Each structure stands twice: as C-alpha cells, then as structure tokens.
C-alpha cells in the first residue's frame, strides 16, 4: 500500500511539473494573451511582445507590477509596429520595430551559423543606443508576424523593398 501511495505522489508531481513546463514562462504576457516574444535580460527584466486581443500588440519591459508598456491603448495597435526580416543559408534575422516619444525600439531575434542573439535595442532621440540582450531561454514567434504587420520598406534587413 505504501508503494502505491508513493507511486501516486510521484505521478502527481510529474503531472504537475509537465503542466507548468507546457505552459511556459509567459513573462509579462498574461493568459489568455499570445506571447510573440519573451525572454529575461541580465538584469532579470522581462522583454515581452504580447497580443492581448486580435489585431493588437503590446510591448512590455520590466518586471511584474513594474513594467513599461507600449502602447497604452491596445485596440488596433498592431498598426503601430513594423517588421523587417532577412534570411539566407545559415542566417535568419527578424525585427519588430516601433517608435514612442522620439525613442526607437527594435525587438530582434537573430541566428547566424547556429548562434542566436535576441533582445531589444533602444535608440534615444540623441542617437545613443542601448541593447538589452536575452539571457537563457528565448521564446520568439516574431517571424509569424510577417503576415500581420506592415513591412518596413526603409529597413536594411528588407533590402529597401517589401515583398
């Protein structure tokens, strides 16, 4: 009987762990929002791109309860974001870009020769640039947004043209 109880406890623990792993760490995105990008930076802040409703995206940076969010009003907000991408053998680069109050933001996911770099690049109005790189697990579905977001024809990744 003790063996059966121990097996039952182990099975329950494994089932609970599988449920937690399957849900993943959604960062600053909340259920039932779709997370198109999520990672943690070296300073433990989250970088997240969430879809709170159809045709709506919201960028979030920070920690739960203390996060910067853009835009504040999410209805129809996908029009405020642009996408750029480039691919060739061994190279895939995707960026989702937006501007807010003279500051440019680029969520990026780059893979080159099997090495992956992702995070957010922030360019201030005075031209100063700062990158916040992902450390550890990176959940990115940015490429899925190519059919949803407007292509940024001026972006170098797009080669000056959109498909």
C-alpha atoms as a PDB file:
ATOM      1  CA  UNK A   1       0.000   0.000   0.000  1.00  0.00           C
ATOM      2  CA  UNK A   2       2.837   2.388   0.866  1.00  0.00           C
ATOM      3  CA  UNK A   3       4.410   1.658  -2.516  1.00  0.00           C
ATOM      4  CA  UNK A   4       1.127   2.524  -4.279  1.00  0.00           C
ATOM      5  CA  UNK A   5       0.857   5.813  -2.345  1.00  0.00           C
ATOM      6  CA  UNK A   6       4.455   6.736  -3.173  1.00  0.00           C
ATOM      7  CA  UNK A   7       3.867   5.966  -6.864  1.00  0.00           C
ATOM      8  CA  UNK A   8       0.677   8.058  -6.805  1.00  0.00           C
ATOM      9  CA  UNK A   9       2.541  11.007  -5.254  1.00  0.00           C
ATOM     10  CA  UNK A  10       5.350  10.759  -7.803  1.00  0.00           C
ATOM     11  CA  UNK A  11       2.837  10.562 -10.660  1.00  0.00           C
ATOM     12  CA  UNK A  12       1.011  13.651  -9.356  1.00  0.00           C
ATOM     13  CA  UNK A  13       4.299  15.567  -9.065  1.00  0.00           C
ATOM     14  CA  UNK A  14       5.372  14.610 -12.599  1.00  0.00           C
ATOM     15  CA  UNK A  15       1.938  15.593 -13.959  1.00  0.00           C
ATOM     16  CA  UNK A  16       2.085  18.990 -12.206  1.00  0.00           C
ATOM     17  CA  UNK A  17       5.639  19.626 -13.476  1.00  0.00           C
ATOM     18  CA  UNK A  18       4.612  18.747 -17.021  1.00  0.00           C
ATOM     19  CA  UNK A  19       1.698  21.185 -16.781  1.00  0.00           C
ATOM     20  CA  UNK A  20       3.991  24.006 -15.605  1.00  0.00           C
ATOM     21  CA  UNK A  21       6.571  23.277 -18.337  1.00  0.00           C
ATOM     22  CA  UNK A  22       3.878  23.080 -21.035  1.00  0.00           C
ATOM     23  CA  UNK A  23       2.506  26.487 -20.083  1.00  0.00           C
ATOM     24  CA  UNK A  24       5.968  28.004 -20.300  1.00  0.00           C
ATOM     25  CA  UNK A  25       7.075  31.251 -18.762  1.00  0.00           C
ATOM     26  CA  UNK A  26       4.945  33.889 -20.477  1.00  0.00           C
ATOM     27  CA  UNK A  27       6.906  36.720 -18.882  1.00  0.00           C
ATOM     28  CA  UNK A  28       4.765  39.847 -18.828  1.00  0.00           C
ATOM     29  CA  UNK A  29       2.070  38.356 -21.090  1.00  0.00           C
ATOM     30  CA  UNK A  30      -0.973  37.152 -19.182  1.00  0.00           C
ATOM     31  CA  UNK A  31      -3.276  34.269 -20.059  1.00  0.00           C
ATOM     32  CA  UNK A  32      -5.059  34.149 -22.485  1.00  0.00           C
ATOM     33  CA  UNK A  33      -2.745  36.587 -24.322  1.00  0.00           C
ATOM     34  CA  UNK A  34      -0.488  35.192 -27.027  1.00  0.00           C
ATOM     35  CA  UNK A  35       3.219  35.741 -26.385  1.00  0.00           C
ATOM     36  CA  UNK A  36       5.091  36.518 -29.617  1.00  0.00           C
ATOM     37  CA  UNK A  37       8.344  37.280 -27.822  1.00  0.00           C
ATOM     38  CA  UNK A  38       9.533  36.639 -24.312  1.00  0.00           C
ATOM     39  CA  UNK A  39      12.857  36.457 -22.535  1.00  0.00           C
ATOM     40  CA  UNK A  40      14.701  37.729 -19.483  1.00  0.00           C
ATOM     41  CA  UNK A  41      17.660  40.069 -19.593  1.00  0.00           C
ATOM     42  CA  UNK A  42      20.797  40.016 -17.462  1.00  0.00           C
ATOM     43  CA  UNK A  43      19.150  42.477 -15.053  1.00  0.00           C
ATOM     44  CA  UNK A  44      16.227  39.995 -14.677  1.00  0.00           C
ATOM     45  CA  UNK A  45      13.753  42.256 -16.510  1.00  0.00           C
ATOM     46  CA  UNK A  46      11.379  40.670 -18.986  1.00  0.00           C
ATOM     47  CA  UNK A  47      11.143  41.693 -22.628  1.00  0.00           C
ATOM     48  CA  UNK A  48       7.724  40.638 -23.944  1.00  0.00           C
ATOM     49  CA  UNK A  49       5.566  41.237 -27.007  1.00  0.00           C
ATOM     50  CA  UNK A  50       2.002  40.254 -26.200  1.00  0.00           C
ATOM     51  CA  UNK A  51      -1.212  40.040 -28.212  1.00  0.00           C
ATOM     52  CA  UNK A  52      -3.984  40.919 -25.752  1.00  0.00           C
ATOM     53  CA  UNK A  53      -6.662  40.762 -28.479  1.00  0.00           C
ATOM     54  CA  UNK A  54      -6.922  40.259 -32.257  1.00  0.00           C
ATOM     55  CA  UNK A  55      -5.070  42.947 -34.262  1.00  0.00           C
ATOM     56  CA  UNK A  56      -3.468  44.232 -31.085  1.00  0.00           C
ATOM     57  CA  UNK A  57       0.111  44.045 -29.846  1.00  0.00           C
ATOM     58  CA  UNK A  58       1.719  45.473 -26.748  1.00  0.00           C
ATOM     59  CA  UNK A  59       5.431  45.653 -25.948  1.00  0.00           C
ATOM     60  CA  UNK A  60       6.281  45.275 -22.271  1.00  0.00           C
ATOM     61  CA  UNK A  61       9.599  45.666 -20.474  1.00  0.00           C
ATOM     62  CA  UNK A  62      10.284  45.273 -16.775  1.00  0.00           C
ATOM     63  CA  UNK A  63       9.057  43.026 -14.007  1.00  0.00           C
ATOM     64  CA  UNK A  64       5.546  42.043 -12.996  1.00  0.00           C
ATOM     65  CA  UNK A  65       3.842  45.046 -11.425  1.00  0.00           C
ATOM     66  CA  UNK A  66       6.526  47.489 -12.680  1.00  0.00           C
ATOM     67  CA  UNK A  67       6.584  47.310 -16.460  1.00  0.00           C
ATOM     68  CA  UNK A  68       6.733  49.858 -19.249  1.00  0.00           C
ATOM     69  CA  UNK A  69       4.007  49.084 -21.797  1.00  0.00           C
ATOM     70  CA  UNK A  70       3.556  50.422 -25.330  1.00  0.00           C
ATOM     71  CA  UNK A  71       1.051  51.386 -26.485  1.00  0.00           C
ATOM     72  CA  UNK A  72      -1.200  52.019 -23.517  1.00  0.00           C
ATOM     73  CA  UNK A  73      -4.339  51.711 -25.655  1.00  0.00           C
ATOM     74  CA  UNK A  74      -4.126  48.295 -27.330  1.00  0.00           C
ATOM     75  CA  UNK A  75      -7.180  48.329 -29.626  1.00  0.00           C
ATOM     76  CA  UNK A  76      -5.912  48.232 -33.221  1.00  0.00           C
ATOM     77  CA  UNK A  77      -2.349  48.746 -32.018  1.00  0.00           C
ATOM     78  CA  UNK A  78      -0.700  46.335 -34.462  1.00  0.00           C
ATOM     79  CA  UNK A  79      -0.585  49.232 -36.958  1.00  0.00           C
ATOM     80  CA  UNK A  80       1.992  50.966 -34.739  1.00  0.00           C
ATOM     81  CA  UNK A  81       4.539  48.180 -35.269  1.00  0.00           C
ATOM     82  CA  UNK A  82       6.635  47.364 -38.370  1.00  0.00           C
ATOM     83  CA  UNK A  83       8.504  44.186 -39.279  1.00  0.00           C
ATOM     84  CA  UNK A  84      11.766  43.552 -41.094  1.00  0.00           C
ATOM     85  CA  UNK A  85      13.411  40.241 -41.905  1.00  0.00           C
ATOM     86  CA  UNK A  86      16.261  38.684 -43.820  1.00  0.00           C
ATOM     87  CA  UNK A  87      17.172  35.064 -44.452  1.00  0.00           C
ATOM     88  CA  UNK A  88      19.812  33.149 -46.343  1.00  0.00           C
ATOM     89  CA  UNK A  89      21.612  29.883 -45.699  1.00  0.00           C
ATOM     90  CA  UNK A  90      22.660  29.837 -42.045  1.00  0.00           C
ATOM     91  CA  UNK A  91      21.227  33.290 -41.294  1.00  0.00           C
ATOM     92  CA  UNK A  92      17.801  34.382 -40.058  1.00  0.00           C
ATOM     93  CA  UNK A  93      17.095  37.861 -38.753  1.00  0.00           C
ATOM     94  CA  UNK A  94      13.745  39.274 -37.717  1.00  0.00           C
ATOM     95  CA  UNK A  95      12.954  42.609 -36.082  1.00  0.00           C
ATOM     96  CA  UNK A  96       9.727  44.204 -34.912  1.00  0.00           C
ATOM     97  CA  UNK A  97      10.138  47.978 -34.647  1.00  0.00           C
ATOM     98  CA  UNK A  98       8.178  50.877 -33.171  1.00  0.00           C
ATOM     99  CA  UNK A  99       8.733  54.449 -32.025  1.00  0.00           C
ATOM    100  CA  UNK A 100       7.464  56.179 -28.912  1.00  0.00           C
ATOM    101  CA  UNK A 101       8.134  59.822 -27.968  1.00  0.00           C
ATOM    102  CA  UNK A 102      11.214  60.095 -30.190  1.00  0.00           C
ATOM    103  CA  UNK A 103      12.702  56.814 -28.976  1.00  0.00           C
ATOM    104  CA  UNK A 104      13.069  53.904 -31.420  1.00  0.00           C
ATOM    105  CA  UNK A 105      12.716  50.309 -30.256  1.00  0.00           C
ATOM    106  CA  UNK A 106      13.641  47.103 -32.092  1.00  0.00           C
ATOM    107  CA  UNK A 107      12.766  43.677 -30.728  1.00  0.00           C
ATOM    108  CA  UNK A 108      15.169  41.364 -32.519  1.00  0.00           C
ATOM    109  CA  UNK A 109      15.830  37.667 -32.973  1.00  0.00           C
ATOM    110  CA  UNK A 110      18.975  36.824 -34.961  1.00  0.00           C
ATOM    111  CA  UNK A 111      20.500  33.440 -35.714  1.00  0.00           C
ATOM    112  CA  UNK A 112      23.769  33.162 -37.612  1.00  0.00           C
ATOM    113  CA  UNK A 113      25.710  29.911 -38.038  1.00  0.00           C
ATOM    114  CA  UNK A 114      23.761  28.367 -35.167  1.00  0.00           C
ATOM    115  CA  UNK A 115      24.439  31.242 -32.743  1.00  0.00           C
ATOM    116  CA  UNK A 116      21.332  33.025 -31.517  1.00  0.00           C
ATOM    117  CA  UNK A 117      21.105  36.610 -30.238  1.00  0.00           C
ATOM    118  CA  UNK A 118      17.850  38.238 -29.206  1.00  0.00           C
ATOM    119  CA  UNK A 119      16.631  41.155 -27.158  1.00  0.00           C
ATOM    120  CA  UNK A 120      15.596  44.763 -27.553  1.00  0.00           C
ATOM    121  CA  UNK A 121      17.618  47.652 -28.961  1.00  0.00           C
ATOM    122  CA  UNK A 122      16.665  51.165 -27.841  1.00  0.00           C
ATOM    123  CA  UNK A 123      17.860  54.267 -29.706  1.00  0.00           C
ATOM    124  CA  UNK A 124      17.278  57.529 -27.848  1.00  0.00           C
ATOM    125  CA  UNK A 125      16.382  60.800 -29.592  1.00  0.00           C
ATOM    126  CA  UNK A 126      20.038  61.937 -29.236  1.00  0.00           C
ATOM    127  CA  UNK A 127      21.234  58.805 -31.094  1.00  0.00           C
ATOM    128  CA  UNK A 128      22.557  56.941 -28.049  1.00  0.00           C
ATOM    129  CA  UNK A 129      21.894  53.230 -28.378  1.00  0.00           C
ATOM    130  CA  UNK A 130      21.482  50.513 -25.756  1.00  0.00           C
ATOM    131  CA  UNK A 131      20.858  46.790 -26.215  1.00  0.00           C
ATOM    132  CA  UNK A 132      19.223  44.595 -23.617  1.00  0.00           C
ATOM    133  CA  UNK A 133      20.171  41.039 -24.575  1.00  0.00           C
ATOM    134  CA  UNK A 134      18.222  37.955 -23.631  1.00  0.00           C
ATOM    135  CA  UNK A 135      19.929  35.583 -21.215  1.00  0.00           C
ATOM    136  CA  UNK A 136      18.748  31.996 -21.079  1.00  0.00           C
ATOM    137  CA  UNK A 137      15.519  30.834 -22.652  1.00  0.00           C
ATOM    138  CA  UNK A 138      14.183  32.796 -25.644  1.00  0.00           C
ATOM    139  CA  UNK A 139      10.603  32.300 -26.798  1.00  0.00           C
ATOM    140  CA  UNK A 140      10.165  34.042 -30.122  1.00  0.00           C
ATOM    141  CA  UNK A 141       7.409  33.857 -32.697  1.00  0.00           C
ATOM    142  CA  UNK A 142       8.302  37.176 -34.350  1.00  0.00           C
ATOM    143  CA  UNK A 143       8.523  35.571 -37.807  1.00  0.00           C
ATOM    144  CA  UNK A 144       4.825  34.640 -37.532  1.00  0.00           C
ATOM    145  CA  UNK A 145       4.003  38.360 -37.558  1.00  0.00           C
ATOM    146  CA  UNK A 146       5.252  38.805 -41.165  1.00  0.00           C
ATOM    147  CA  UNK A 147       1.734  38.247 -42.479  1.00  0.00           C
ATOM    148  CA  UNK A 148       0.170  40.529 -39.866  1.00  0.00           C
ATOM    149  CA  UNK A 149       2.425  43.573 -39.503  1.00  0.00           C
ATOM    150  CA  UNK A 150       3.292  46.147 -42.125  1.00  0.00           C
ATOM    151  CA  UNK A 151       6.691  45.602 -43.713  1.00  0.00           C
ATOM    152  CA  UNK A 152       9.249  48.349 -43.025  1.00  0.00           C
ATOM    153  CA  UNK A 153      10.455  49.151 -46.564  1.00  0.00           C
ATOM    154  CA  UNK A 154      13.134  51.536 -45.244  1.00  0.00           C
ATOM    155  CA  UNK A 155      14.788  48.901 -43.055  1.00  0.00           C
ATOM    156  CA  UNK A 156      18.113  47.468 -44.245  1.00  0.00           C
ATOM    157  CA  UNK A 157      17.010  43.901 -43.445  1.00  0.00           C
ATOM    158  CA  UNK A 158      14.291  44.227 -46.081  1.00  0.00           C
ATOM    159  CA  UNK A 159      16.784  45.460 -48.679  1.00  0.00           C
ATOM    160  CA  UNK A 160      14.822  48.639 -49.316  1.00  0.00           C
ATOM    161  CA  UNK A 161      11.746  46.805 -50.554  1.00  0.00           C
ATOM    162  CA  UNK A 162       8.889  44.750 -49.231  1.00  0.00           C
ATOM    163  CA  UNK A 163       7.653  41.526 -50.796  1.00  0.00           C
END
